[in-house]
Amino acid sequence: MVFVYLILAKPNYSLSYVGWTIDLKKRIKLHNEGKGAKFTRGRKWKLVYYEVLNNKSEALKREFELKKDRKLRNYIKKMYFKKNVLNEK
């Protein structure tokens, strides 16, 4: 089981990052401790989306698709905020 995930930088959630891992909880923790990817260092991150895939090869292909598809990333961001606004009411 392999995960592809999208995280957003707190507090304004304007920056996004896509990655893959076999241990999602640990990977998010590493990003927030400044030990993740170089791009993610120095920021706090919120997991907003993930997919479960069968193997590393599938995960790498999907990660590449998500990284290149800005429309999809923005759509996921929009859905995340819509869901959170609805939950706050």
PDB file of N, CA and C in Angstrom:
ATOM      1  N   MET A   1       0.836  -1.171   0.000  1.00  0.00           N
ATOM      2  CA  MET A   1       0.000   0.000   0.000  1.00  0.00           C
ATOM      3  C   MET A   1       0.891   1.247   0.000  1.00  0.00           C
ATOM      4  N   VAL A   2       0.645   2.138  -0.959  1.00  0.00           N
ATOM      5  CA  VAL A   2       1.428   3.355  -1.135  1.00  0.00           C
ATOM      6  C   VAL A   2       0.456   4.530  -1.238  1.00  0.00           C
ATOM      7  N   PHE A   3       0.841   5.664  -0.654  1.00  0.00           N
ATOM      8  CA  PHE A   3      -0.016   6.846  -0.649  1.00  0.00           C
ATOM      9  C   PHE A   3       0.575   7.951  -1.515  1.00  0.00           C
ATOM     10  N   VAL A   4      -0.297   8.650  -2.221  1.00  0.00           N
ATOM     11  CA  VAL A   4       0.035   9.900  -2.883  1.00  0.00           C
ATOM     12  C   VAL A   4      -0.791  10.946  -2.156  1.00  0.00           C
ATOM     13  N   TYR A   5      -0.165  12.062  -1.789  1.00  0.00           N
ATOM     14  CA  TYR A   5      -0.866  13.019  -0.935  1.00  0.00           C
ATOM     15  C   TYR A   5      -0.653  14.450  -1.397  1.00  0.00           C
ATOM     16  N   LEU A   6      -1.565  15.313  -0.959  1.00  0.00           N
ATOM     17  CA  LEU A   6      -1.467  16.743  -1.209  1.00  0.00           C
ATOM     18  C   LEU A   6      -1.570  17.436   0.136  1.00  0.00           C
ATOM     19  N   ILE A   7      -0.596  18.306   0.418  1.00  0.00           N
ATOM     20  CA  ILE A   7      -0.612  19.079   1.654  1.00  0.00           C
ATOM     21  C   ILE A   7      -0.605  20.563   1.315  1.00  0.00           C
ATOM     22  N   LEU A   8      -1.187  21.345   2.216  1.00  0.00           N
ATOM     23  CA  LEU A   8      -1.226  22.800   2.048  1.00  0.00           C
ATOM     24  C   LEU A   8      -0.509  23.450   3.213  1.00  0.00           C
ATOM     25  N   ALA A   9       0.198  24.549   2.935  1.00  0.00           N
ATOM     26  CA  ALA A   9       0.953  25.270   3.957  1.00  0.00           C
ATOM     27  C   ALA A   9       0.022  26.133   4.792  1.00  0.00           C
ATOM     28  N   LYS A  10       0.161  26.007   6.111  1.00  0.00           N
ATOM     29  CA  LYS A  10      -0.601  26.854   7.027  1.00  0.00           C
ATOM     30  C   LYS A  10       0.088  28.199   7.136  1.00  0.00           C
ATOM     31  N   PRO A  11      -0.497  29.276   7.498  1.00  0.00           N
ATOM     32  CA  PRO A  11      -1.895  29.443   7.883  1.00  0.00           C
ATOM     33  C   PRO A  11      -2.808  29.838   6.728  1.00  0.00           C
ATOM     34  N   ASN A  12      -2.271  30.345   5.609  1.00  0.00           N
ATOM     35  CA  ASN A  12      -3.159  30.815   4.545  1.00  0.00           C
ATOM     36  C   ASN A  12      -3.435  29.772   3.458  1.00  0.00           C
ATOM     37  N   TYR A  13      -2.766  28.642   3.497  1.00  0.00           N
ATOM     38  CA  TYR A  13      -3.005  27.518   2.581  1.00  0.00           C
ATOM     39  C   TYR A  13      -2.813  27.871   1.106  1.00  0.00           C
ATOM     40  N   SER A  14      -1.926  28.809   0.816  1.00  0.00           N
ATOM     41  CA  SER A  14      -1.729  29.204  -0.577  1.00  0.00           C
ATOM     42  C   SER A  14      -0.722  28.297  -1.298  1.00  0.00           C
ATOM     43  N   LEU A  15       0.222  27.715  -0.568  1.00  0.00           N
ATOM     44  CA  LEU A  15       1.204  26.808  -1.168  1.00  0.00           C
ATOM     45  C   LEU A  15       0.739  25.368  -1.030  1.00  0.00           C
ATOM     46  N   SER A  16       0.993  24.584  -2.085  1.00  0.00           N
ATOM     47  CA  SER A  16       0.652  23.166  -2.018  1.00  0.00           C
ATOM     48  C   SER A  16       1.871  22.331  -2.395  1.00  0.00           C
ATOM     49  N   TYR A  17       1.858  21.087  -1.936  1.00  0.00           N
ATOM     50  CA  TYR A  17       2.948  20.154  -2.216  1.00  0.00           C
ATOM     51  C   TYR A  17       2.338  18.772  -2.425  1.00  0.00           C
ATOM     52  N   VAL A  18       2.825  18.056  -3.422  1.00  0.00           N
ATOM     53  CA  VAL A  18       2.370  16.697  -3.705  1.00  0.00           C
ATOM     54  C   VAL A  18       3.556  15.759  -3.526  1.00  0.00           C
ATOM     55  N   GLY A  19       3.310  14.621  -2.865  1.00  0.00           N
ATOM     56  CA  GLY A  19       4.365  13.641  -2.665  1.00  0.00           C
ATOM     57  C   GLY A  19       3.796  12.236  -2.557  1.00  0.00           C
ATOM     58  N   TRP A  20       4.663  11.260  -2.331  1.00  0.00           N
ATOM     59  CA  TRP A  20       4.229   9.881  -2.138  1.00  0.00           C
ATOM     60  C   TRP A  20       4.993   9.289  -0.956  1.00  0.00           C
ATOM     61  N   THR A  21       4.402   8.271  -0.338  1.00  0.00           N
ATOM     62  CA  THR A  21       5.023   7.628   0.822  1.00  0.00           C
ATOM     63  C   THR A  21       4.354   6.287   1.098  1.00  0.00           C
ATOM     64  N   ILE A  22       5.010   5.480   1.933  1.00  0.00           N
ATOM     65  CA  ILE A  22       4.377   4.244   2.395  1.00  0.00           C
ATOM     66  C   ILE A  22       3.835   4.410   3.814  1.00  0.00           C
ATOM     67  N   ASP A  23       4.249   5.471   4.505  1.00  0.00           N
ATOM     68  CA  ASP A  23       3.773   5.753   5.858  1.00  0.00           C
ATOM     69  C   ASP A  23       3.319   7.212   5.922  1.00  0.00           C
ATOM     70  N   LEU A  24       2.041   7.428   5.665  1.00  0.00           N
ATOM     71  CA  LEU A  24       1.502   8.777   5.515  1.00  0.00           C
ATOM     72  C   LEU A  24       1.621   9.607   6.793  1.00  0.00           C
ATOM     73  N   LYS A  25       1.257   9.033   7.915  1.00  0.00           N
ATOM     74  CA  LYS A  25       1.307   9.763   9.187  1.00  0.00           C
ATOM     75  C   LYS A  25       2.732  10.239   9.498  1.00  0.00           C
ATOM     76  N   LYS A  26       3.694   9.337   9.329  1.00  0.00           N
ATOM     77  CA  LYS A  26       5.091   9.658   9.603  1.00  0.00           C
ATOM     78  C   LYS A  26       5.604  10.730   8.640  1.00  0.00           C
ATOM     79  N   ARG A  27       5.210  10.641   7.375  1.00  0.00           N
ATOM     80  CA  ARG A  27       5.692  11.585   6.370  1.00  0.00           C
ATOM     81  C   ARG A  27       5.185  13.004   6.643  1.00  0.00           C
ATOM     82  N   ILE A  28       3.923  13.139   7.024  1.00  0.00           N
ATOM     83  CA  ILE A  28       3.374  14.457   7.335  1.00  0.00           C
ATOM     84  C   ILE A  28       4.089  15.029   8.559  1.00  0.00           C
ATOM     85  N   LYS A  29       4.350  14.171   9.534  1.00  0.00           N
ATOM     86  CA  LYS A  29       5.073  14.593  10.733  1.00  0.00           C
ATOM     87  C   LYS A  29       6.462  15.116  10.360  1.00  0.00           C
ATOM     88  N   LEU A  30       7.151  14.412   9.467  1.00  0.00           N
ATOM     89  CA  LEU A  30       8.481  14.847   9.023  1.00  0.00           C
ATOM     90  C   LEU A  30       8.418  16.202   8.316  1.00  0.00           C
ATOM     91  N   HIS A  31       7.413  16.388   7.476  1.00  0.00           N
ATOM     92  CA  HIS A  31       7.264  17.690   6.800  1.00  0.00           C
ATOM     93  C   HIS A  31       7.112  18.804   7.838  1.00  0.00           C
ATOM     94  N   ASN A  32       6.304  18.567   8.858  1.00  0.00           N
ATOM     95  CA  ASN A  32       6.049  19.592   9.870  1.00  0.00           C
ATOM     96  C   ASN A  32       7.227  19.807  10.813  1.00  0.00           C
ATOM     97  N   GLU A  33       8.127  18.854  10.886  1.00  0.00           N
ATOM     98  CA  GLU A  33       9.332  19.002  11.714  1.00  0.00           C
ATOM     99  C   GLU A  33      10.500  19.581  10.918  1.00  0.00           C
ATOM    100  N   GLY A  34      10.272  19.890   9.647  1.00  0.00           N
ATOM    101  CA  GLY A  34      11.329  20.453   8.813  1.00  0.00           C
ATOM    102  C   GLY A  34      12.292  19.421   8.266  1.00  0.00           C
ATOM    103  N   LYS A  35      11.901  18.150   8.309  1.00  0.00           N
ATOM    104  CA  LYS A  35      12.776  17.078   7.832  1.00  0.00           C
ATOM    105  C   LYS A  35      12.259  16.441   6.548  1.00  0.00           C
ATOM    106  N   GLY A  36      11.235  17.041   5.958  1.00  0.00           N
ATOM    107  CA  GLY A  36      10.676  16.509   4.724  1.00  0.00           C
ATOM    108  C   GLY A  36      11.443  17.027   3.526  1.00  0.00           C
ATOM    109  N   ALA A  37      10.747  17.166   2.426  1.00  0.00           N
ATOM    110  CA  ALA A  37      11.353  17.691   1.203  1.00  0.00           C
ATOM    111  C   ALA A  37      11.842  19.118   1.439  1.00  0.00           C
ATOM    112  N   LYS A  38      12.842  19.512   0.711  1.00  0.00           N
ATOM    113  CA  LYS A  38      13.447  20.837   0.886  1.00  0.00           C
ATOM    114  C   LYS A  38      12.403  21.948   0.740  1.00  0.00           C
ATOM    115  N   PHE A  39      11.501  21.807  -0.201  1.00  0.00           N
ATOM    116  CA  PHE A  39      10.457  22.808  -0.435  1.00  0.00           C
ATOM    117  C   PHE A  39       9.555  23.000   0.780  1.00  0.00           C
ATOM    118  N   THR A  40       9.358  21.956   1.554  1.00  0.00           N
ATOM    119  CA  THR A  40       8.399  22.017   2.669  1.00  0.00           C
ATOM    120  C   THR A  40       9.014  22.498   3.976  1.00  0.00           C
ATOM    121  N   ARG A  41      10.312  22.651   4.032  1.00  0.00           N
ATOM    122  CA  ARG A  41      10.973  23.044   5.283  1.00  0.00           C
ATOM    123  C   ARG A  41      10.605  24.461   5.694  1.00  0.00           C
ATOM    124  N   GLY A  42      10.463  24.658   7.005  1.00  0.00           N
ATOM    125  CA  GLY A  42      10.186  25.976   7.541  1.00  0.00           C
ATOM    126  C   GLY A  42       8.720  26.368   7.542  1.00  0.00           C
ATOM    127  N   ARG A  43       7.847  25.432   7.188  1.00  0.00           N
ATOM    128  CA  ARG A  43       6.409  25.704   7.172  1.00  0.00           C
ATOM    129  C   ARG A  43       5.675  24.588   7.906  1.00  0.00           C
ATOM    130  N   LYS A  44       4.462  24.877   8.328  1.00  0.00           N
ATOM    131  CA  LYS A  44       3.570  23.860   8.895  1.00  0.00           C
ATOM    132  C   LYS A  44       2.583  23.475   7.812  1.00  0.00           C
ATOM    133  N   TRP A  45       2.248  22.189   7.739  1.00  0.00           N
ATOM    134  CA  TRP A  45       1.446  21.660   6.652  1.00  0.00           C
ATOM    135  C   TRP A  45       0.198  20.956   7.157  1.00  0.00           C
ATOM    136  N   LYS A  46      -0.825  20.971   6.325  1.00  0.00           N
ATOM    137  CA  LYS A  46      -2.093  20.299   6.623  1.00  0.00           C
ATOM    138  C   LYS A  46      -2.393  19.335   5.486  1.00  0.00           C
ATOM    139  N   LEU A  47      -2.610  18.062   5.830  1.00  0.00           N
ATOM    140  CA  LEU A  47      -2.983  17.059   4.826  1.00  0.00           C
ATOM    141  C   LEU A  47      -4.421  17.315   4.403  1.00  0.00           C
ATOM    142  N   VAL A  48      -4.641  17.501   3.097  1.00  0.00           N
ATOM    143  CA  VAL A  48      -5.992  17.780   2.616  1.00  0.00           C
ATOM    144  C   VAL A  48      -6.511  16.710   1.654  1.00  0.00           C
ATOM    145  N   TYR A  49      -5.608  15.871   1.121  1.00  0.00           N
ATOM    146  CA  TYR A  49      -6.044  14.875   0.143  1.00  0.00           C
ATOM    147  C   TYR A  49      -5.006  13.767   0.055  1.00  0.00           C
ATOM    148  N   TYR A  50      -5.490  12.534  -0.089  1.00  0.00           N
ATOM    149  CA  TYR A  50      -4.570  11.433  -0.362  1.00  0.00           C
ATOM    150  C   TYR A  50      -5.283  10.336  -1.131  1.00  0.00           C
ATOM    151  N   GLU A  51      -4.515   9.530  -1.833  1.00  0.00           N
ATOM    152  CA  GLU A  51      -5.005   8.371  -2.568  1.00  0.00           C
ATOM    153  C   GLU A  51      -4.176   7.164  -2.147  1.00  0.00           C
ATOM    154  N   VAL A  52      -4.808   6.005  -2.131  1.00  0.00           N
ATOM    155  CA  VAL A  52      -4.113   4.756  -1.811  1.00  0.00           C
ATOM    156  C   VAL A  52      -3.909   3.991  -3.120  1.00  0.00           C
ATOM    157  N   LEU A  53      -2.656   3.610  -3.386  1.00  0.00           N
ATOM    158  CA  LEU A  53      -2.322   2.876  -4.609  1.00  0.00           C
ATOM    159  C   LEU A  53      -1.650   1.561  -4.251  1.00  0.00           C
ATOM    160  N   ASN A  54      -1.568   0.682  -5.228  1.00  0.00           N
ATOM    161  CA  ASN A  54      -1.065  -0.671  -4.974  1.00  0.00           C
ATOM    162  C   ASN A  54       0.448  -0.780  -4.865  1.00  0.00           C
ATOM    163  N   ASN A  55       1.175   0.030  -5.635  1.00  0.00           N
ATOM    164  CA  ASN A  55       2.628  -0.100  -5.632  1.00  0.00           C
ATOM    165  C   ASN A  55       3.305   1.235  -5.927  1.00  0.00           C
ATOM    166  N   LYS A  56       4.609   1.253  -5.766  1.00  0.00           N
ATOM    167  CA  LYS A  56       5.394   2.473  -5.933  1.00  0.00           C
ATOM    168  C   LYS A  56       5.296   3.017  -7.356  1.00  0.00           C
ATOM    169  N   SER A  57       5.308   2.137  -8.326  1.00  0.00           N
ATOM    170  CA  SER A  57       5.244   2.558  -9.723  1.00  0.00           C
ATOM    171  C   SER A  57       3.965   3.346 -10.001  1.00  0.00           C
ATOM    172  N   GLU A  58       2.827   2.838  -9.542  1.00  0.00           N
ATOM    173  CA  GLU A  58       1.552   3.544  -9.708  1.00  0.00           C
ATOM    174  C   GLU A  58       1.575   4.879  -8.975  1.00  0.00           C
ATOM    175  N   ALA A  59       2.164   4.878  -7.784  1.00  0.00           N
ATOM    176  CA  ALA A  59       2.224   6.096  -6.972  1.00  0.00           C
ATOM    177  C   ALA A  59       3.058   7.174  -7.663  1.00  0.00           C
ATOM    178  N   LEU A  60       4.177   6.794  -8.227  1.00  0.00           N
ATOM    179  CA  LEU A  60       5.032   7.764  -8.912  1.00  0.00           C
ATOM    180  C   LEU A  60       4.331   8.363 -10.133  1.00  0.00           C
ATOM    181  N   LYS A  61       3.600   7.530 -10.864  1.00  0.00           N
ATOM    182  CA  LYS A  61       2.851   8.031 -12.025  1.00  0.00           C
ATOM    183  C   LYS A  61       1.772   9.014 -11.579  1.00  0.00           C
ATOM    184  N   ARG A  62       1.044   8.652 -10.520  1.00  0.00           N
ATOM    185  CA  ARG A  62      -0.029   9.507 -10.035  1.00  0.00           C
ATOM    186  C   ARG A  62       0.520  10.808  -9.447  1.00  0.00           C
ATOM    187  N   GLU A  63       1.630  10.716  -8.727  1.00  0.00           N
ATOM    188  CA  GLU A  63       2.265  11.911  -8.176  1.00  0.00           C
ATOM    189  C   GLU A  63       2.638  12.870  -9.305  1.00  0.00           C
ATOM    190  N   PHE A  64       3.211  12.354 -10.367  1.00  0.00           N
ATOM    191  CA  PHE A  64       3.588  13.174 -11.513  1.00  0.00           C
ATOM    192  C   PHE A  64       2.361  13.858 -12.109  1.00  0.00           C
ATOM    193  N   GLU A  65       1.256  13.103 -12.250  1.00  0.00           N
ATOM    194  CA  GLU A  65       0.021  13.672 -12.795  1.00  0.00           C
ATOM    195  C   GLU A  65      -0.479  14.821 -11.927  1.00  0.00           C
ATOM    196  N   LEU A  66      -0.508  14.603 -10.608  1.00  0.00           N
ATOM    197  CA  LEU A  66      -0.999  15.636  -9.703  1.00  0.00           C
ATOM    198  C   LEU A  66      -0.089  16.863  -9.695  1.00  0.00           C
ATOM    199  N   LYS A  67       1.206  16.644  -9.764  1.00  0.00           N
ATOM    200  CA  LYS A  67       2.136  17.775  -9.761  1.00  0.00           C
ATOM    201  C   LYS A  67       1.973  18.633 -11.006  1.00  0.00           C
ATOM    202  N   LYS A  68       1.677  18.025 -12.119  1.00  0.00           N
ATOM    203  CA  LYS A  68       1.561  18.760 -13.377  1.00  0.00           C
ATOM    204  C   LYS A  68       0.174  19.353 -13.603  1.00  0.00           C
ATOM    205  N   ASP A  69      -0.851  18.829 -12.933  1.00  0.00           N
ATOM    206  CA  ASP A  69      -2.232  19.254 -13.169  1.00  0.00           C
ATOM    207  C   ASP A  69      -2.661  20.308 -12.145  1.00  0.00           C
ATOM    208  N   ARG A  70      -2.352  21.558 -12.430  1.00  0.00           N
ATOM    209  CA  ARG A  70      -2.685  22.666 -11.525  1.00  0.00           C
ATOM    210  C   ARG A  70      -4.192  22.815 -11.332  1.00  0.00           C
ATOM    211  N   LYS A  71      -4.958  22.555 -12.391  1.00  0.00           N
ATOM    212  CA  LYS A  71      -6.417  22.666 -12.282  1.00  0.00           C
ATOM    213  C   LYS A  71      -6.950  21.699 -11.223  1.00  0.00           C
ATOM    214  N   LEU A  72      -6.461  20.469 -11.259  1.00  0.00           N
ATOM    215  CA  LEU A  72      -6.901  19.468 -10.296  1.00  0.00           C
ATOM    216  C   LEU A  72      -6.472  19.843  -8.886  1.00  0.00           C
ATOM    217  N   ARG A  73      -5.244  20.321  -8.730  1.00  0.00           N
ATOM    218  CA  ARG A  73      -4.766  20.733  -7.399  1.00  0.00           C
ATOM    219  C   ARG A  73      -5.612  21.872  -6.852  1.00  0.00           C
ATOM    220  N   ASN A  74      -5.944  22.835  -7.694  1.00  0.00           N
ATOM    221  CA  ASN A  74      -6.787  23.950  -7.256  1.00  0.00           C
ATOM    222  C   ASN A  74      -8.204  23.489  -6.934  1.00  0.00           C
ATOM    223  N   TYR A  75      -8.708  22.512  -7.691  1.00  0.00           N
ATOM    224  CA  TYR A  75     -10.023  21.948  -7.413  1.00  0.00           C
ATOM    225  C   TYR A  75     -10.034  21.258  -6.049  1.00  0.00           C
ATOM    226  N   ILE A  76      -9.017  20.482  -5.756  1.00  0.00           N
ATOM    227  CA  ILE A  76      -8.918  19.797  -4.457  1.00  0.00           C
ATOM    228  C   ILE A  76      -8.874  20.826  -3.332  1.00  0.00           C
ATOM    229  N   LYS A  77      -8.094  21.884  -3.531  1.00  0.00           N
ATOM    230  CA  LYS A  77      -8.018  22.968  -2.547  1.00  0.00           C
ATOM    231  C   LYS A  77      -9.400  23.586  -2.316  1.00  0.00           C
ATOM    232  N   LYS A  78     -10.085  23.867  -3.403  1.00  0.00           N
ATOM    233  CA  LYS A  78     -11.415  24.470  -3.331  1.00  0.00           C
ATOM    234  C   LYS A  78     -12.382  23.567  -2.571  1.00  0.00           C
ATOM    235  N   MET A  79     -12.345  22.268  -2.866  1.00  0.00           N
ATOM    236  CA  MET A  79     -13.237  21.316  -2.185  1.00  0.00           C
ATOM    237  C   MET A  79     -12.902  21.221  -0.694  1.00  0.00           C
ATOM    238  N   TYR A  80     -11.628  21.301  -0.353  1.00  0.00           N
ATOM    239  CA  TYR A  80     -11.211  21.260   1.043  1.00  0.00           C
ATOM    240  C   TYR A  80     -11.803  22.444   1.806  1.00  0.00           C
ATOM    241  N   PHE A  81     -11.690  23.634   1.236  1.00  0.00           N
ATOM    242  CA  PHE A  81     -12.210  24.824   1.907  1.00  0.00           C
ATOM    243  C   PHE A  81     -13.724  24.809   1.971  1.00  0.00           C
ATOM    244  N   LYS A  82     -14.370  24.336   0.910  1.00  0.00           N
ATOM    245  CA  LYS A  82     -15.833  24.248   0.890  1.00  0.00           C
ATOM    246  C   LYS A  82     -16.314  23.315   1.997  1.00  0.00           C
ATOM    247  N   LYS A  83     -15.651  22.175   2.139  1.00  0.00           N
ATOM    248  CA  LYS A  83     -16.016  21.190   3.164  1.00  0.00           C
ATOM    249  C   LYS A  83     -15.832  21.783   4.557  1.00  0.00           C
ATOM    250  N   ASN A  84     -14.731  22.472   4.783  1.00  0.00           N
ATOM    251  CA  ASN A  84     -14.455  23.051   6.095  1.00  0.00           C
ATOM    252  C   ASN A  84     -15.403  24.185   6.444  1.00  0.00           C
ATOM    253  N   VAL A  85     -15.787  24.986   5.467  1.00  0.00           N
ATOM    254  CA  VAL A  85     -16.736  26.057   5.709  1.00  0.00           C
ATOM    255  C   VAL A  85     -18.093  25.472   6.088  1.00  0.00           C
ATOM    256  N   LEU A  86     -18.515  24.417   5.396  1.00  0.00           N
ATOM    257  CA  LEU A  86     -19.784  23.774   5.696  1.00  0.00           C
ATOM    258  C   LEU A  86     -19.783  23.142   7.091  1.00  0.00           C
ATOM    259  N   ASN A  87     -18.638  22.572   7.482  1.00  0.00           N
ATOM    260  CA  ASN A  87     -18.539  21.950   8.806  1.00  0.00           C
ATOM    261  C   ASN A  87     -18.554  22.963   9.944  1.00  0.00           C
ATOM    262  N   GLU A  88     -18.115  24.182   9.658  1.00  0.00           N
ATOM    263  CA  GLU A  88     -18.076  25.212  10.698  1.00  0.00           C
ATOM    264  C   GLU A  88     -19.448  25.788  10.996  1.00  0.00           C
ATOM    265  N   LYS A  89     -20.384  25.662  10.053  1.00  0.00           N
ATOM    266  CA  LYS A  89     -21.740  26.244  10.248  1.00  0.00           C
ATOM    267  C   LYS A  89     -22.573  25.390  11.160  1.00  0.00           C
TER     268      LYS A  89
END
